Amino acid sequence: MLKLGTESFDDSSTLKSMTLVTLIYLPANFVSSILGMNRFDFDGDGTGAFTISKQFWIFIVLAVPLTLLTLASWYVVSRRTRRARERQMEGAAD
């Protein structure tokens, strides 16, 4: 039974890590899907140089705040869940 509990805890921490990574990359993925990948010019001016579009800043302006908003939302929800669990444990102890 102890082994089963330990494996369950390990799976839970792995899923939390995967969720956090997804939360970090999902907003940027969403923004790039909307804007498309036409922000790069792989041929350059015929010289074979790699250039970035002048409108690339739009991606940064949208992706960074969305990422921060997503992470902040995750933090708030996880704190509320943790507090509710702690209150429930205190109530069960009384």
Protein backbone atom coordinates (compact mmCIF):
# COMPACT_ATOMS: atom_id res chain seq x y z
CA MET A 1 0.00 0.00 0.00
CA LEU A 2 2.88 2.34 0.81
CA LYS A 3 4.47 1.63 -2.57
CA LEU A 4 1.19 2.45 -4.32
CA GLY A 5 0.93 5.74 -2.44
CA THR A 6 4.52 6.67 -3.32
CA GLU A 7 3.95 5.91 -7.01
CA SER A 8 0.79 8.01 -6.97
CA PHE A 9 2.68 10.93 -5.42
CA ASP A 10 5.45 10.64 -8.04
CA ASP A 11 2.88 10.62 -10.86
CA SER A 12 1.20 13.67 -9.36
CA SER A 13 4.44 15.67 -9.23
CA THR A 14 5.25 14.68 -12.82
CA LEU A 15 1.84 15.86 -14.00
CA LYS A 16 2.26 19.15 -12.12
CA SER A 17 5.59 19.72 -13.88
CA MET A 18 4.08 18.96 -17.28
CA THR A 19 1.18 21.30 -16.53
CA LEU A 20 3.53 24.12 -15.58
CA VAL A 21 5.55 23.71 -18.79
CA THR A 22 2.32 23.72 -20.80
CA LEU A 23 1.15 26.88 -19.04
CA ILE A 24 4.41 28.61 -19.96
CA TYR A 25 4.37 27.70 -23.65
CA LEU A 26 0.64 27.70 -24.41
CA PRO A 27 0.09 31.50 -24.66
CA ALA A 28 3.02 31.94 -27.06
CA ASN A 29 1.76 29.02 -29.12
CA PHE A 30 -1.70 30.59 -29.23
CA VAL A 31 -0.35 33.98 -30.32
CA SER A 32 1.87 32.47 -33.01
CA SER A 33 -1.10 30.52 -34.34
CA ILE A 34 -3.12 33.71 -34.65
CA LEU A 35 -0.36 35.80 -36.17
CA GLY A 36 1.02 33.04 -38.37
CA MET A 37 4.67 32.42 -38.98
CA ASN A 38 5.11 35.12 -41.62
CA ARG A 39 7.20 37.18 -39.20
CA PHE A 40 10.40 35.61 -40.52
CA ASP A 41 12.06 35.89 -43.90
CA PHE A 42 14.23 32.84 -44.41
CA ASP A 43 15.50 33.88 -47.84
CA GLY A 44 16.42 37.40 -46.85
CA ASP A 45 17.16 39.73 -49.73
CA GLY A 46 18.37 36.93 -51.95
CA THR A 47 21.56 36.65 -49.88
CA GLY A 48 20.34 33.66 -47.87
CA ALA A 49 20.31 35.73 -44.68
CA PHE A 50 17.72 35.19 -41.96
CA THR A 51 15.76 38.32 -41.08
CA ILE A 52 12.95 39.03 -38.65
CA SER A 53 9.94 41.10 -39.65
CA LYS A 54 9.58 44.60 -38.23
CA GLN A 55 6.20 43.55 -36.78
CA PHE A 56 7.75 40.78 -34.64
CA TRP A 57 7.31 43.04 -31.59
CA ILE A 58 3.56 42.34 -31.81
CA PHE A 59 4.26 38.70 -30.97
CA ILE A 60 6.35 39.67 -27.93
CA VAL A 61 3.80 42.25 -26.75
CA LEU A 62 1.01 39.65 -26.89
CA ALA A 63 2.85 36.51 -25.79
CA VAL A 64 4.65 37.80 -22.69
CA PRO A 65 1.61 39.34 -20.94
CA LEU A 66 -0.53 36.31 -21.81
CA THR A 67 2.13 34.01 -20.35
CA LEU A 68 2.35 36.10 -17.17
CA LEU A 69 -1.44 36.21 -16.89
CA THR A 70 -1.66 32.44 -17.30
CA LEU A 71 1.03 31.78 -14.68
CA ALA A 72 -0.55 34.25 -12.26
CA SER A 73 -3.94 32.57 -12.69
CA TRP A 74 -2.38 29.17 -12.04
CA TYR A 75 -0.68 30.52 -8.91
CA VAL A 76 -3.91 32.01 -7.53
CA VAL A 77 -5.93 28.87 -8.19
CA SER A 78 -3.28 26.60 -6.66
CA ARG A 79 -3.08 28.79 -3.53
CA ARG A 80 -6.86 28.75 -3.12
CA THR A 81 -6.92 24.99 -3.53
CA ARG A 82 -4.11 24.55 -1.01
CA ARG A 83 -5.83 26.83 1.53
CA ALA A 84 -9.15 25.03 1.11
CA ARG A 85 -7.40 21.69 1.63
CA GLU A 86 -5.66 22.99 4.76
CA ARG A 87 -8.97 24.28 6.18
CA GLN A 88 -10.57 20.95 5.44
CA MET A 89 -7.75 19.12 7.24
CA GLU A 90 -8.07 21.46 10.25
CA GLY A 91 -11.82 20.90 10.32
CA ALA A 92 -11.35 17.14 10.20
CA ALA A 93 -8.82 17.30 13.07
CA ASP A 94 -11.30 19.09 15.36
